[in-house]
């Protein structure tokens, strides 16, 4: 599979995740989200989560946090207590799976978030 973004072809795997995470930018994220029927327009909160996921992956040896960790860390970043429901409102297909896909990261093959 492939995406066309700003005249460039971006390769994806069978799950829709980018073949090369380094080809990601905000325009690519918006194109991936636009192709997903469960996503609306990306907001600053969406991009906060995407930035967090990418930083975890690139700065922590390929770490792709589970949902409980995403929830806790985003609460710290946003300075307020948030629930899993808050994250699922942003990423109805699961923050750790759909979020990673839109963040341009490799496919996560695991169950659950805890």
C-alpha atoms as a PDB file:
ATOM      1  CA  UNK A   1       0.000   0.000   0.000  1.00  0.00           C
ATOM      2  CA  UNK A   2       1.028   3.605  -0.377  1.00  0.00           C
ATOM      3  CA  UNK A   3      -0.171   7.107   0.418  1.00  0.00           C
ATOM      4  CA  UNK A   4       0.185  10.141  -1.811  1.00  0.00           C
ATOM      5  CA  UNK A   5       1.090  13.185   0.277  1.00  0.00           C
ATOM      6  CA  UNK A   6       2.167  16.493  -1.237  1.00  0.00           C
ATOM      7  CA  UNK A   7       3.247  14.782  -4.443  1.00  0.00           C
ATOM      8  CA  UNK A   8       5.298  12.130  -2.638  1.00  0.00           C
ATOM      9  CA  UNK A   9       4.530   8.424  -2.396  1.00  0.00           C
ATOM     10  CA  UNK A  10       4.747   7.151   1.186  1.00  0.00           C
ATOM     11  CA  UNK A  11       4.950   3.361   1.534  1.00  0.00           C
ATOM     12  CA  UNK A  12       2.868   1.559   4.174  1.00  0.00           C
ATOM     13  CA  UNK A  13       2.671  -2.033   5.384  1.00  0.00           C
ATOM     14  CA  UNK A  14      -0.394  -4.302   5.317  1.00  0.00           C
ATOM     15  CA  UNK A  15      -1.720  -2.650   8.510  1.00  0.00           C
ATOM     16  CA  UNK A  16      -1.417   0.898   7.148  1.00  0.00           C
ATOM     17  CA  UNK A  17       1.661   1.733   9.247  1.00  0.00           C
ATOM     18  CA  UNK A  18       4.509   3.557   7.547  1.00  0.00           C
ATOM     19  CA  UNK A  19       7.266   1.359   6.154  1.00  0.00           C
ATOM     20  CA  UNK A  20       9.792   4.044   7.168  1.00  0.00           C
ATOM     21  CA  UNK A  21       8.898   6.090  10.295  1.00  0.00           C
ATOM     22  CA  UNK A  22      11.298   8.819   9.142  1.00  0.00           C
ATOM     23  CA  UNK A  23       8.971   9.738   6.239  1.00  0.00           C
ATOM     24  CA  UNK A  24       6.370  11.003   8.744  1.00  0.00           C
ATOM     25  CA  UNK A  25       5.364  14.630   9.180  1.00  0.00           C
ATOM     26  CA  UNK A  26       2.139  16.400  10.131  1.00  0.00           C
ATOM     27  CA  UNK A  27       0.827  16.250   6.560  1.00  0.00           C
ATOM     28  CA  UNK A  28       1.371  12.479   6.517  1.00  0.00           C
ATOM     29  CA  UNK A  29      -0.440  12.190   9.869  1.00  0.00           C
ATOM     30  CA  UNK A  30      -3.393  14.138   8.486  1.00  0.00           C
ATOM     31  CA  UNK A  31      -3.477  11.916   5.375  1.00  0.00           C
ATOM     32  CA  UNK A  32      -3.449   8.724   7.476  1.00  0.00           C
ATOM     33  CA  UNK A  33      -6.189  10.111   9.739  1.00  0.00           C
ATOM     34  CA  UNK A  34      -8.263  11.233   6.738  1.00  0.00           C
ATOM     35  CA  UNK A  35      -8.148   7.685   5.352  1.00  0.00           C
ATOM     36  CA  UNK A  36      -9.461   6.332   8.677  1.00  0.00           C
ATOM     37  CA  UNK A  37     -13.258   6.408   8.923  1.00  0.00           C
ATOM     38  CA  UNK A  38     -13.169   6.663  12.736  1.00  0.00           C
ATOM     39  CA  UNK A  39     -11.042   9.811  12.836  1.00  0.00           C
ATOM     40  CA  UNK A  40     -12.111  13.389  12.453  1.00  0.00           C
ATOM     41  CA  UNK A  41      -9.823  16.357  11.966  1.00  0.00           C
ATOM     42  CA  UNK A  42      -6.651  16.218  14.074  1.00  0.00           C
ATOM     43  CA  UNK A  43      -6.501  18.713  16.935  1.00  0.00           C
ATOM     44  CA  UNK A  44      -3.611  19.921  19.083  1.00  0.00           C
ATOM     45  CA  UNK A  45      -4.447  17.172  21.600  1.00  0.00           C
ATOM     46  CA  UNK A  46      -4.099  14.566  18.839  1.00  0.00           C
ATOM     47  CA  UNK A  47      -0.717  15.991  17.902  1.00  0.00           C
ATOM     48  CA  UNK A  48       0.369  16.058  21.564  1.00  0.00           C
ATOM     49  CA  UNK A  49      -0.235  12.299  21.731  1.00  0.00           C
ATOM     50  CA  UNK A  50       1.494  11.713  18.388  1.00  0.00           C
ATOM     51  CA  UNK A  51       4.528  13.729  19.492  1.00  0.00           C
ATOM     52  CA  UNK A  52       4.671  11.775  22.760  1.00  0.00           C
ATOM     53  CA  UNK A  53       4.459   8.414  20.942  1.00  0.00           C
ATOM     54  CA  UNK A  54       7.205   9.389  18.496  1.00  0.00           C
ATOM     55  CA  UNK A  55       9.479  10.680  21.267  1.00  0.00           C
ATOM     56  CA  UNK A  56       9.001   7.455  23.223  1.00  0.00           C
ATOM     57  CA  UNK A  57       9.838   5.390  20.149  1.00  0.00           C
ATOM     58  CA  UNK A  58      12.887   7.339  18.977  1.00  0.00           C
ATOM     59  CA  UNK A  59      14.308   8.361  22.368  1.00  0.00           C
ATOM     60  CA  UNK A  60      13.627   5.179  24.362  1.00  0.00           C
ATOM     61  CA  UNK A  61      14.961   2.334  22.246  1.00  0.00           C
ATOM     62  CA  UNK A  62      11.807   1.680  20.214  1.00  0.00           C
ATOM     63  CA  UNK A  63       9.410   1.859  23.177  1.00  0.00           C
ATOM     64  CA  UNK A  64       5.757   1.766  22.169  1.00  0.00           C
ATOM     65  CA  UNK A  65       3.882   2.362  25.447  1.00  0.00           C
ATOM     66  CA  UNK A  66       0.688   0.594  26.378  1.00  0.00           C
ATOM     67  CA  UNK A  67      -2.459   2.600  26.945  1.00  0.00           C
ATOM     68  CA  UNK A  68      -2.141   2.853  30.711  1.00  0.00           C
ATOM     69  CA  UNK A  69       1.284   4.467  30.345  1.00  0.00           C
ATOM     70  CA  UNK A  70       0.046   6.795  27.596  1.00  0.00           C
ATOM     71  CA  UNK A  71      -2.826   7.832  29.877  1.00  0.00           C
ATOM     72  CA  UNK A  72      -0.519   8.571  32.819  1.00  0.00           C
ATOM     73  CA  UNK A  73       2.073  10.436  30.766  1.00  0.00           C
ATOM     74  CA  UNK A  74      -0.464  12.523  28.837  1.00  0.00           C
ATOM     75  CA  UNK A  75      -2.025  13.517  32.164  1.00  0.00           C
ATOM     76  CA  UNK A  76       1.381  14.846  33.216  1.00  0.00           C
ATOM     77  CA  UNK A  77       1.905  16.631  29.900  1.00  0.00           C
ATOM     78  CA  UNK A  78      -1.560  18.215  29.955  1.00  0.00           C
ATOM     79  CA  UNK A  79      -1.396  18.938  33.687  1.00  0.00           C
ATOM     80  CA  UNK A  80      -4.716  17.282  34.493  1.00  0.00           C
ATOM     81  CA  UNK A  81      -6.118  13.881  35.338  1.00  0.00           C
ATOM     82  CA  UNK A  82      -7.401  12.147  32.243  1.00  0.00           C
ATOM     83  CA  UNK A  83      -9.221   8.884  31.749  1.00  0.00           C
ATOM     84  CA  UNK A  84      -8.913   6.157  29.175  1.00  0.00           C
ATOM     85  CA  UNK A  85     -12.197   7.476  27.779  1.00  0.00           C
ATOM     86  CA  UNK A  86     -10.491  10.807  27.030  1.00  0.00           C
ATOM     87  CA  UNK A  87      -7.850   9.028  24.952  1.00  0.00           C
ATOM     88  CA  UNK A  88     -10.411   6.800  23.242  1.00  0.00           C
ATOM     89  CA  UNK A  89     -12.387   9.917  22.297  1.00  0.00           C
ATOM     90  CA  UNK A  90      -9.251  11.057  20.454  1.00  0.00           C
ATOM     91  CA  UNK A  91      -8.288   7.635  19.090  1.00  0.00           C
ATOM     92  CA  UNK A  92     -11.348   5.348  19.004  1.00  0.00           C
ATOM     93  CA  UNK A  93      -9.284   2.556  17.439  1.00  0.00           C
ATOM     94  CA  UNK A  94      -7.032   2.421  20.551  1.00  0.00           C
ATOM     95  CA  UNK A  95      -4.399   5.019  21.389  1.00  0.00           C
ATOM     96  CA  UNK A  96      -1.593   2.463  21.343  1.00  0.00           C
ATOM     97  CA  UNK A  97      -2.551   1.030  17.939  1.00  0.00           C
ATOM     98  CA  UNK A  98      -4.346   3.747  15.988  1.00  0.00           C
ATOM     99  CA  UNK A  99      -2.161   6.412  17.616  1.00  0.00           C
ATOM    100  CA  UNK A 100       1.016   4.579  16.642  1.00  0.00           C
ATOM    101  CA  UNK A 101      -0.233   4.155  13.074  1.00  0.00           C
ATOM    102  CA  UNK A 102      -1.049   7.853  12.705  1.00  0.00           C
ATOM    103  CA  UNK A 103       2.282   8.702  14.391  1.00  0.00           C
ATOM    104  CA  UNK A 104       4.011   6.768  11.605  1.00  0.00           C
ATOM    105  CA  UNK A 105       5.363   4.054  13.891  1.00  0.00           C
ATOM    106  CA  UNK A 106       5.583   0.280  13.342  1.00  0.00           C
ATOM    107  CA  UNK A 107       2.565  -1.949  13.893  1.00  0.00           C
ATOM    108  CA  UNK A 108       2.002  -3.079  17.481  1.00  0.00           C
ATOM    109  CA  UNK A 109       0.858  -6.692  17.710  1.00  0.00           C
ATOM    110  CA  UNK A 110      -0.450  -6.974  21.247  1.00  0.00           C
ATOM    111  CA  UNK A 111      -3.695  -7.061  23.163  1.00  0.00           C
ATOM    112  CA  UNK A 112      -5.010  -4.654  25.740  1.00  0.00           C
ATOM    113  CA  UNK A 113      -3.551  -1.583  27.284  1.00  0.00           C
ATOM    114  CA  UNK A 114      -2.408  -2.656  30.699  1.00  0.00           C
END
